[in-house]
Amino acid sequence: MSAMLDDAKARSSDSIHSILRVAFPACLWLIALTNVARLGPLLATRGTQTDFSIYMLSGHAFNSNENPYRADFDTEAREIGVNNLAITNATDPPTFILLFAPLSRLPPQKAFSIWTTINGVALIAAMLIIVGPGSGIPGWIAWSFAAVAMIYPPVIASFYNGQNKILLMLLLALMMRSMRSGNDAVSGLALGLAGLTRIFPFLMIAYLVIERRWGALKYTFLCLIVCIPITIALFGLSNSLSFGRDGVNLLTAQRYLSQPQNIALDAYISRWLWSINGPGLSPSYEALRRVAIVIGDLLIFFVTLRATISIRRCGDDNLRFLSLWIVTSILLSPTVWVFYLVLLLIPFAQIAAACSAGEVTRRTLWSAGISVLLIFLAISPHSEIAFSTNPWLRMTIGECRFYSLIAAYLSVYFFAIDQTEAVHVPLRIVPALAWQRLSGAEAN
């Protein structure tokens, strides 16, 4: 009799679990589709607004045989009927402007509709890569993850502002999947194209070097050897060189670094010093700011490097460390906006896969949960409090976007080092171990 009761309870529990595995993703998708329905009408007039308008102006300047990094966007914005929000010139890399230029020949709203469709297809493709067949994620978790991705604020912000980071996510997801399958050509070419269009992914070359993944590295440089001359030939040498002088200078200007929406580590450090000493720093404090930025960047790089060599050479079979380098490249980019956080969906999908297999620690999950919670808090309607009236509120609640990125970094860091194969690496021997790995002298 007892055995029959136990069997009945087991069947009942299985039935409940089966229902929940259908009901939970169904509820999430109901929320996601409702959100999409609300977003759709808002996109009908976004073709003339930033950030998409800056892409249009950059392409329009190039098509008009002007230097996009020195063109007068205020005048051009009036000519084609878009809003540039006082952004005076282009800030995107030459390869991206060259690829986008054909769209800028169309009316802004029509171009925006095509661009939105491209991004929608890219999002679907990226989801199929990171949570679809072959990802190791059970079906109901994959469907739930995809639904959450649809309401993830950085994804919504990317569509609303006509951003390009979803395409970047697709390239990096393709890189990761290709590395997992041993396809060095596709992984290297994907990284090369990602770097040419956004620059900061080039930091992941350090990952390929320290892991001695020479095949992928070879194809990355092959992509550069082929694409850079083509870009220079079509875009112009003078225009291309202007990106480093004018485009990057504008991106790293105090006007942008001082905004809490800029969640780069460099910007966060700068804002703290400006909040204490005012925007007009003396030469000594300006030197201190620059030194603090260098130290902060080197510290994050060093911590990531230390984690990477905690596993033997070429031991990143599950590509957890690649995820860590993706987040590191975001954090160390000179300028980072909330749209960049769509790339976090890649490591979060890996964490979801490991969680379904019972191979993830609590601190990894807690940190990931805090990251998601903070970004929802930062971009929700309730976050529109005038933090600027109180500098300390501005540096706490107002910085939730940055704290979300830091929590994501901690989550992926814990995810990478909390493995049975990982060994503790004392700080003092990190340079020696890194050199041994690079020279091929590290013991297998």
Protein backbone atom coordinates (compact mmCIF):
# COMPACT_ATOMS: atom_id res chain seq x y z
CA MET A 1 0.00 0.00 0.00
CA SER A 2 2.84 2.34 0.91
CA ALA A 3 4.54 1.61 -2.42
CA MET A 4 1.34 2.48 -4.28
CA LEU A 5 1.04 5.80 -2.42
CA ASP A 6 4.65 6.65 -3.18
CA ASP A 7 4.12 5.82 -6.83
CA ALA A 8 0.99 8.01 -6.95
CA LYS A 9 2.88 10.90 -5.32
CA ALA A 10 5.71 10.50 -7.84
CA ARG A 11 3.28 10.57 -10.75
CA SER A 12 1.54 13.62 -9.28
CA SER A 13 4.88 15.40 -8.84
CA ASP A 14 5.88 14.58 -12.42
CA SER A 15 2.55 15.93 -13.66
CA ILE A 16 3.01 19.18 -11.74
CA HIS A 17 6.53 19.57 -13.12
CA SER A 18 5.26 18.91 -16.65
CA ILE A 19 2.56 21.54 -16.26
CA LEU A 20 5.03 24.08 -14.87
CA ARG A 21 7.44 23.44 -17.74
CA VAL A 22 4.69 24.48 -20.13
CA ALA A 23 2.97 27.16 -18.05
CA PHE A 24 6.11 29.04 -17.00
CA PRO A 25 7.49 29.76 -20.49
CA ALA A 26 3.93 30.37 -21.74
CA CYS A 27 3.45 33.12 -19.14
CA LEU A 28 6.80 34.66 -19.97
CA TRP A 29 5.98 34.64 -23.68
CA LEU A 30 2.63 36.28 -22.99
CA ILE A 31 4.48 39.10 -21.23
CA ALA A 32 7.07 39.25 -24.02
CA LEU A 33 4.52 39.43 -26.83
CA THR A 34 2.54 42.08 -24.93
CA ASN A 35 5.72 44.06 -24.62
CA VAL A 36 6.45 43.70 -28.34
CA ALA A 37 2.92 44.87 -29.14
CA ARG A 38 3.48 47.98 -27.02
CA LEU A 39 6.88 48.65 -28.57
CA GLY A 40 5.72 48.33 -32.18
CA PRO A 41 3.78 51.63 -32.43
CA LEU A 42 6.64 53.48 -30.72
CA LEU A 43 9.00 52.49 -33.52
CA ALA A 44 6.83 54.16 -36.15
CA THR A 45 8.52 57.53 -35.59
CA ARG A 46 12.00 56.49 -34.44
CA GLY A 47 13.67 56.74 -37.84
CA THR A 48 14.51 60.40 -37.26
CA GLN A 49 15.77 60.01 -33.69
CA THR A 50 19.08 59.02 -32.14
CA ASP A 51 20.96 56.75 -32.18
CA PHE A 52 19.75 55.65 -35.59
CA SER A 53 19.86 59.22 -36.88
CA ILE A 54 23.62 59.32 -36.22
CA TYR A 55 24.09 56.25 -38.41
CA MET A 56 22.02 57.98 -41.10
CA LEU A 57 24.02 61.18 -40.84
CA SER A 58 27.31 59.29 -40.94
CA GLY A 59 26.26 57.41 -44.06
CA HIS A 60 24.83 60.54 -45.63
CA ALA A 61 28.11 62.39 -45.09
CA PHE A 62 30.07 59.54 -46.67
CA ASN A 63 27.68 59.34 -49.63
CA SER A 64 28.14 63.10 -50.09
CA ASN A 65 31.93 62.68 -50.27
CA GLU A 66 32.42 64.35 -46.90
CA ASN A 67 34.50 63.18 -43.96
CA PRO A 68 31.90 61.78 -41.51
CA TYR A 69 34.18 62.54 -38.54
CA ARG A 70 34.44 66.22 -39.46
CA ALA A 71 31.09 66.86 -41.12
CA ASP A 72 28.68 69.37 -39.63
CA PHE A 73 25.88 67.10 -38.42
CA ASP A 74 23.79 70.08 -37.25
CA THR A 75 23.47 71.26 -40.85
CA GLU A 76 23.01 67.77 -42.27
CA ALA A 77 20.34 66.93 -39.68
CA ARG A 78 18.25 69.87 -40.90
CA GLU A 79 18.77 68.84 -44.51
CA ILE A 80 17.48 65.25 -44.13
CA GLY A 81 15.03 65.98 -41.30
CA VAL A 82 16.49 64.05 -38.36
CA ASN A 83 17.44 64.87 -34.77
CA ASN A 84 21.11 64.56 -33.88
CA LEU A 85 20.88 65.77 -30.25
CA ALA A 86 23.86 68.10 -30.76
CA ILE A 87 26.16 65.21 -31.72
CA THR A 88 28.48 67.01 -34.10
CA ASN A 89 30.15 64.20 -36.06
CA ALA A 90 30.38 60.44 -36.56
CA THR A 91 31.73 58.18 -33.83
CA ASP A 92 31.38 54.73 -35.40
CA PRO A 93 34.29 52.84 -36.99
CA PRO A 94 34.85 53.28 -40.74
CA THR A 95 33.90 49.69 -41.62
CA PHE A 96 30.50 50.05 -39.97
CA ILE A 97 29.75 53.36 -41.71
CA LEU A 98 30.80 51.84 -45.02
CA LEU A 99 28.44 48.89 -44.53
CA PHE A 100 25.56 51.09 -43.37
CA ALA A 101 25.95 53.77 -46.07
CA PRO A 102 23.57 52.15 -48.62
CA LEU A 103 20.70 52.36 -46.10
CA SER A 104 21.31 56.08 -45.57
CA ARG A 105 20.24 56.74 -49.16
CA LEU A 106 16.66 55.87 -48.19
CA PRO A 107 14.15 58.05 -46.33
CA PRO A 108 14.91 57.80 -42.57
CA GLN A 109 11.77 55.94 -41.49
CA LYS A 110 11.98 53.45 -44.35
CA ALA A 111 15.64 52.84 -43.58
CA PHE A 112 14.74 52.40 -39.92
CA SER A 113 12.08 49.80 -40.77
CA ILE A 114 14.58 47.78 -42.80
CA TRP A 115 17.19 48.16 -40.04
CA THR A 116 14.68 46.98 -37.42
CA THR A 117 13.87 43.94 -39.54
CA ILE A 118 17.57 43.13 -39.87
CA ASN A 119 17.98 43.40 -36.11
CA GLY A 120 14.92 41.23 -35.51
CA VAL A 121 16.29 38.49 -37.75
CA ALA A 122 19.69 38.82 -36.04
CA LEU A 123 18.08 38.43 -32.60
CA ILE A 124 16.23 35.28 -33.66
CA ALA A 125 19.42 33.84 -35.19
CA ALA A 126 21.42 34.67 -32.06
CA MET A 127 18.81 33.02 -29.83
CA LEU A 128 18.89 29.89 -31.99
CA ILE A 129 22.66 29.77 -31.58
CA ILE A 130 22.92 30.38 -27.84
CA VAL A 131 19.83 28.51 -26.57
CA GLY A 132 18.72 26.45 -29.57
CA PRO A 133 19.58 22.87 -30.53
CA GLY A 134 23.12 22.01 -29.57
CA SER A 135 23.30 24.55 -26.74
CA GLY A 136 22.68 21.94 -24.04
CA ILE A 137 19.71 23.86 -22.64
CA PRO A 138 16.44 21.92 -22.07
CA GLY A 139 13.57 23.07 -24.25
CA TRP A 140 11.44 24.71 -21.58
CA ILE A 141 14.42 26.66 -20.21
CA ALA A 142 15.42 27.70 -23.73
CA TRP A 143 11.93 29.02 -24.45
CA SER A 144 11.87 30.82 -21.09
CA PHE A 145 15.28 32.36 -21.72
CA ALA A 146 14.24 33.57 -25.17
CA ALA A 147 11.12 35.18 -23.70
CA VAL A 148 13.15 36.96 -21.00
CA ALA A 149 15.53 38.16 -23.72
CA MET A 150 12.56 39.80 -25.45
CA ILE A 151 11.83 41.91 -22.36
CA TYR A 152 15.45 42.44 -21.30
CA PRO A 153 15.79 46.26 -21.18
CA PRO A 154 19.01 46.46 -23.26
CA VAL A 155 17.28 44.51 -26.05
CA ILE A 156 14.26 46.81 -25.98
CA ALA A 157 16.53 49.88 -25.88
CA SER A 158 18.47 48.54 -28.86
CA PHE A 159 15.35 48.32 -31.00
CA TYR A 160 13.96 51.62 -29.74
CA ASN A 161 17.16 53.50 -30.53
CA GLY A 162 17.97 51.61 -33.73
CA GLN A 163 21.25 50.36 -32.27
CA ASN A 164 23.62 47.79 -33.81
CA LYS A 165 24.66 45.71 -30.79
CA ILE A 166 22.27 42.85 -31.60
CA LEU A 167 24.21 42.26 -34.81
CA LEU A 168 27.38 42.25 -32.72
CA MET A 169 25.81 39.69 -30.38
CA LEU A 170 25.09 37.48 -33.37
CA LEU A 171 28.73 37.65 -34.50
CA LEU A 172 30.08 36.79 -31.03
CA ALA A 173 27.52 34.01 -30.56
CA LEU A 174 28.59 32.61 -33.93
CA MET A 175 32.21 32.85 -32.82
CA MET A 176 31.50 30.90 -29.63
CA ARG A 177 29.45 28.20 -31.37
CA SER A 178 32.14 27.82 -34.06
CA MET A 179 34.88 27.50 -31.46
CA ARG A 180 32.87 24.81 -29.72
CA SER A 181 32.59 22.86 -32.96
CA GLY A 182 36.26 23.43 -33.85
CA ASN A 183 35.57 25.67 -36.85
CA ASP A 184 38.50 28.09 -36.57
CA ALA A 185 37.73 29.84 -39.86
CA VAL A 186 34.23 30.97 -38.91
CA SER A 187 35.18 31.86 -35.33
CA GLY A 188 38.19 33.93 -36.43
CA LEU A 189 36.32 35.71 -39.22
CA ALA A 190 33.40 36.48 -36.88
CA LEU A 191 35.74 38.06 -34.32
CA GLY A 192 37.54 40.03 -37.02
CA LEU A 193 34.28 41.46 -38.38
CA ALA A 194 33.02 42.20 -34.85
CA GLY A 195 36.21 44.11 -34.10
CA LEU A 196 36.17 46.05 -37.35
CA THR A 197 32.62 47.26 -36.75
CA ARG A 198 32.91 48.01 -33.01
CA ILE A 199 36.66 47.92 -32.08
CA PHE A 200 36.35 46.79 -28.42
CA PRO A 201 35.91 43.06 -29.27
CA PHE A 202 39.54 43.09 -30.40
CA LEU A 203 40.45 42.69 -26.71
CA MET A 204 39.39 39.06 -27.09
CA ILE A 205 42.46 38.51 -29.23
CA ALA A 206 44.23 38.33 -25.86
CA TYR A 207 42.04 35.32 -25.04
CA LEU A 208 43.01 33.57 -28.27
CA VAL A 209 46.68 34.23 -27.55
CA ILE A 210 46.67 33.09 -23.92
CA GLU A 211 44.70 29.97 -24.88
CA ARG A 212 47.02 29.42 -27.86
CA ARG A 213 44.10 29.09 -30.25
CA TRP A 214 46.29 29.87 -33.22
CA GLY A 215 43.80 28.67 -35.84
CA ALA A 216 41.10 31.17 -34.83
CA LEU A 217 43.74 33.87 -34.39
CA LYS A 218 45.06 33.24 -37.91
CA TYR A 219 41.63 33.75 -39.46
CA THR A 220 41.03 36.86 -37.33
CA PHE A 221 44.14 38.47 -38.76
CA LEU A 222 43.25 37.20 -42.22
CA CYS A 223 39.95 39.05 -41.92
CA LEU A 224 41.84 42.21 -40.96
CA ILE A 225 44.39 41.83 -43.75
CA VAL A 226 41.58 41.57 -46.31
CA CYS A 227 39.01 44.00 -44.89
CA ILE A 228 41.19 46.90 -43.74
CA PRO A 229 42.63 47.64 -47.22
CA ILE A 230 39.14 47.35 -48.72
CA THR A 231 37.79 49.77 -46.10
CA ILE A 232 40.62 52.24 -46.74
CA ALA A 233 40.18 51.98 -50.52
CA LEU A 234 36.42 52.62 -50.38
CA PHE A 235 36.21 54.88 -47.32
CA GLY A 236 39.40 56.84 -47.93
CA LEU A 237 42.65 56.91 -45.98
CA SER A 238 42.09 60.41 -44.61
CA ASN A 239 38.56 59.56 -43.49
CA SER A 240 39.73 56.32 -41.87
CA LEU A 241 42.50 58.07 -39.94
CA SER A 242 40.02 60.68 -38.74
CA PHE A 243 38.19 58.02 -36.75
CA GLY A 244 41.10 57.79 -34.30
CA ARG A 245 41.52 61.55 -34.05
CA ASP A 246 37.99 62.93 -34.17
CA GLY A 247 35.53 60.07 -33.64
CA VAL A 248 37.25 58.57 -30.59
CA ASN A 249 37.95 62.01 -29.10
CA LEU A 250 34.26 62.84 -29.22
CA LEU A 251 33.29 59.51 -27.62
CA THR A 252 35.71 60.02 -24.74
CA ALA A 253 34.86 63.68 -24.17
CA GLN A 254 33.74 64.76 -20.72
CA ARG A 255 30.26 65.42 -22.07
CA TYR A 256 29.73 61.68 -22.53
CA LEU A 257 31.88 60.30 -19.73
CA SER A 258 29.92 62.37 -17.20
CA GLN A 259 26.60 60.71 -18.04
CA PRO A 260 25.47 57.83 -15.75
CA GLN A 261 24.17 56.13 -18.90
CA ASN A 262 27.83 55.63 -19.88
CA ILE A 263 28.70 52.47 -17.96
CA ALA A 264 32.33 52.05 -18.97
CA LEU A 265 34.78 51.60 -16.10
CA ASP A 266 36.71 54.64 -17.33
CA ALA A 267 33.58 56.77 -17.24
CA TYR A 268 32.61 55.56 -13.75
CA ILE A 269 36.03 56.40 -12.32
CA SER A 270 35.91 59.82 -13.98
CA ARG A 271 32.46 60.60 -12.58
CA TRP A 272 33.59 59.86 -9.02
CA LEU A 273 36.45 62.34 -9.29
CA TRP A 274 34.26 64.93 -10.97
CA SER A 275 31.58 64.53 -8.27
CA ILE A 276 34.18 65.23 -5.57
CA ASN A 277 36.26 67.95 -7.22
CA GLY A 278 33.92 69.39 -9.83
CA PRO A 279 34.03 69.09 -13.63
CA GLY A 280 36.99 71.43 -14.06
CA LEU A 281 39.81 69.36 -12.60
CA SER A 282 43.16 70.91 -11.85
CA PRO A 283 46.14 69.46 -13.78
CA SER A 284 47.12 67.33 -10.78
CA TYR A 285 43.62 65.89 -10.36
CA GLU A 286 43.33 65.33 -14.11
CA ALA A 287 46.58 63.36 -13.95
CA LEU A 288 45.15 61.42 -11.00
CA ARG A 289 42.02 60.63 -13.03
CA ARG A 290 44.07 59.27 -15.91
CA VAL A 291 46.28 57.21 -13.60
CA ALA A 292 43.20 55.82 -11.80
CA ILE A 293 41.72 54.80 -15.15
CA VAL A 294 44.90 53.00 -16.20
CA ILE A 295 45.14 51.21 -12.83
CA GLY A 296 41.46 50.21 -12.94
CA ASP A 297 41.72 48.87 -16.49
CA LEU A 298 44.91 46.95 -15.72
CA LEU A 299 43.37 45.48 -12.58
CA ILE A 300 40.34 44.11 -14.45
CA PHE A 301 42.59 42.78 -17.22
CA PHE A 302 44.91 41.18 -14.65
CA VAL A 303 42.04 39.53 -12.76
CA THR A 304 40.63 38.12 -16.01
CA LEU A 305 44.06 36.88 -17.04
CA ARG A 306 44.57 35.25 -13.63
CA ALA A 307 41.24 33.45 -13.94
CA THR A 308 42.06 32.25 -17.46
CA ILE A 309 45.34 30.60 -16.46
CA SER A 310 43.68 28.83 -13.54
CA ILE A 311 42.82 26.12 -16.06
CA ARG A 312 45.54 24.31 -17.99
CA ARG A 313 46.41 25.43 -21.50
CA CYS A 314 43.58 24.98 -24.02
CA GLY A 315 41.42 23.72 -21.16
CA ASP A 316 38.51 26.06 -21.84
CA ASP A 317 36.47 23.29 -23.43
CA ASN A 318 33.18 24.72 -22.17
CA LEU A 319 34.23 28.26 -23.22
CA ARG A 320 33.44 29.77 -19.85
CA PHE A 321 36.55 31.90 -20.06
CA LEU A 322 35.56 33.16 -23.49
CA SER A 323 32.38 34.46 -21.85
CA LEU A 324 34.52 36.17 -19.22
CA TRP A 325 36.59 37.88 -21.91
CA ILE A 326 33.42 39.06 -23.67
CA VAL A 327 32.27 40.82 -20.48
CA THR A 328 35.80 42.12 -19.85
CA SER A 329 35.93 43.67 -23.33
CA ILE A 330 32.67 45.50 -22.60
CA LEU A 331 33.84 46.75 -19.22
CA LEU A 332 37.16 48.04 -20.57
CA SER A 333 35.72 49.75 -23.64
CA PRO A 334 36.31 53.53 -23.38
CA THR A 335 32.59 54.18 -23.83
CA VAL A 336 29.77 51.76 -23.02
CA TRP A 337 26.03 52.38 -23.21
CA VAL A 338 23.24 50.15 -21.99
CA PHE A 339 22.80 48.65 -25.49
CA TYR A 340 26.13 46.84 -25.06
CA LEU A 341 24.55 44.71 -22.34
CA VAL A 342 22.69 42.65 -24.94
CA LEU A 343 26.02 40.79 -25.21
CA LEU A 344 25.47 39.53 -21.65
CA LEU A 345 22.82 37.21 -23.04
CA ILE A 346 25.67 35.02 -24.34
CA PRO A 347 27.27 34.24 -20.94
CA PHE A 348 23.86 34.19 -19.25
CA ALA A 349 22.78 31.47 -21.69
CA GLN A 350 25.88 29.49 -20.78
CA ILE A 351 25.03 29.89 -17.11
CA ALA A 352 21.48 28.69 -17.80
CA ALA A 353 22.82 25.60 -19.56
CA ALA A 354 25.18 24.83 -16.67
CA CYS A 355 22.40 25.44 -14.15
CA SER A 356 20.13 22.92 -15.87
CA ALA A 357 22.95 20.38 -15.51
CA GLY A 358 23.57 21.29 -11.86
CA GLU A 359 27.05 22.65 -12.64
CA VAL A 360 26.80 26.21 -11.40
CA THR A 361 27.44 27.72 -7.96
CA ARG A 362 25.07 29.88 -5.95
CA ARG A 363 27.28 32.94 -6.10
CA THR A 364 27.22 32.75 -9.89
CA LEU A 365 23.42 32.64 -9.93
CA TRP A 366 23.03 35.36 -7.29
CA SER A 367 25.36 37.72 -9.16
CA ALA A 368 23.56 37.09 -12.46
CA GLY A 369 20.19 37.68 -10.80
CA ILE A 370 21.41 40.94 -9.25
CA SER A 371 22.70 42.11 -12.63
CA VAL A 372 19.35 41.51 -14.31
CA LEU A 373 17.43 43.07 -11.39
CA LEU A 374 19.59 46.21 -11.42
CA ILE A 375 19.19 46.82 -15.14
CA PHE A 376 15.41 46.45 -14.85
CA LEU A 377 15.52 48.94 -11.96
CA ALA A 378 17.72 51.37 -13.88
CA ILE A 379 15.60 51.48 -17.05
CA SER A 380 12.13 51.09 -15.55
CA PRO A 381 9.74 54.08 -15.53
CA HIS A 382 10.35 54.36 -11.77
CA SER A 383 14.02 55.18 -12.40
CA GLU A 384 13.22 58.61 -13.85
CA ILE A 385 13.84 60.30 -10.49
CA ALA A 386 15.91 63.48 -10.77
CA PHE A 387 19.08 61.98 -9.32
CA SER A 388 21.02 65.00 -10.52
CA THR A 389 19.56 67.02 -7.63
CA ASN A 390 21.53 64.87 -5.19
CA PRO A 391 25.06 63.89 -6.22
CA TRP A 392 25.19 60.97 -3.80
CA LEU A 393 21.93 59.50 -5.08
CA ARG A 394 23.30 60.00 -8.57
CA MET A 395 26.39 57.96 -7.66
CA THR A 396 24.34 55.14 -6.07
CA ILE A 397 20.87 54.54 -7.49
CA GLY A 398 21.70 56.54 -10.59
CA GLU A 399 24.61 54.21 -11.36
CA CYS A 400 22.56 51.00 -11.40
CA ARG A 401 23.49 50.44 -15.05
CA PHE A 402 27.18 50.30 -14.16
CA TYR A 403 26.54 48.14 -11.10
CA SER A 404 24.56 45.77 -13.31
CA LEU A 405 27.61 45.37 -15.54
CA ILE A 406 29.88 44.80 -12.52
CA ALA A 407 27.48 42.18 -11.14
CA ALA A 408 27.51 40.46 -14.54
CA TYR A 409 31.31 40.47 -14.54
CA LEU A 410 31.38 38.89 -11.07
CA SER A 411 28.81 36.30 -12.13
CA VAL A 412 30.79 35.23 -15.19
CA TYR A 413 34.07 35.37 -13.20
CA PHE A 414 32.63 32.99 -10.58
CA PHE A 415 31.19 30.87 -13.38
CA ALA A 416 34.65 30.56 -14.92
CA ILE A 417 36.69 29.80 -11.80
CA ASP A 418 34.18 27.62 -9.93
CA GLN A 419 35.24 24.49 -11.77
CA THR A 420 36.81 21.35 -10.34
CA GLU A 421 39.71 21.68 -12.81
CA ALA A 422 40.54 25.23 -11.70
CA VAL A 423 43.51 25.77 -9.41
CA HIS A 424 44.33 28.71 -7.18
CA VAL A 425 46.87 31.01 -8.81
CA PRO A 426 48.74 33.33 -6.42
CA LEU A 427 48.89 36.87 -7.71
CA ARG A 428 52.67 36.99 -7.60
CA ILE A 429 53.10 34.18 -10.14
CA VAL A 430 50.48 35.28 -12.68
CA PRO A 431 53.04 36.97 -15.01
CA ALA A 432 55.33 33.91 -14.89
CA LEU A 433 52.50 31.47 -15.61
CA ALA A 434 51.18 33.67 -18.42
CA TRP A 435 54.64 33.76 -20.00
CA GLN A 436 55.01 29.99 -19.64
CA ARG A 437 51.71 29.47 -21.41
CA LEU A 438 52.60 31.86 -24.21
CA SER A 439 55.97 30.22 -24.72
CA GLY A 440 54.46 26.74 -24.71
CA ALA A 441 56.43 25.70 -21.62
CA GLU A 442 53.37 25.14 -19.42
CA ALA A 443 52.88 21.53 -18.38
CA ASN A 444 49.77 19.89 -19.73
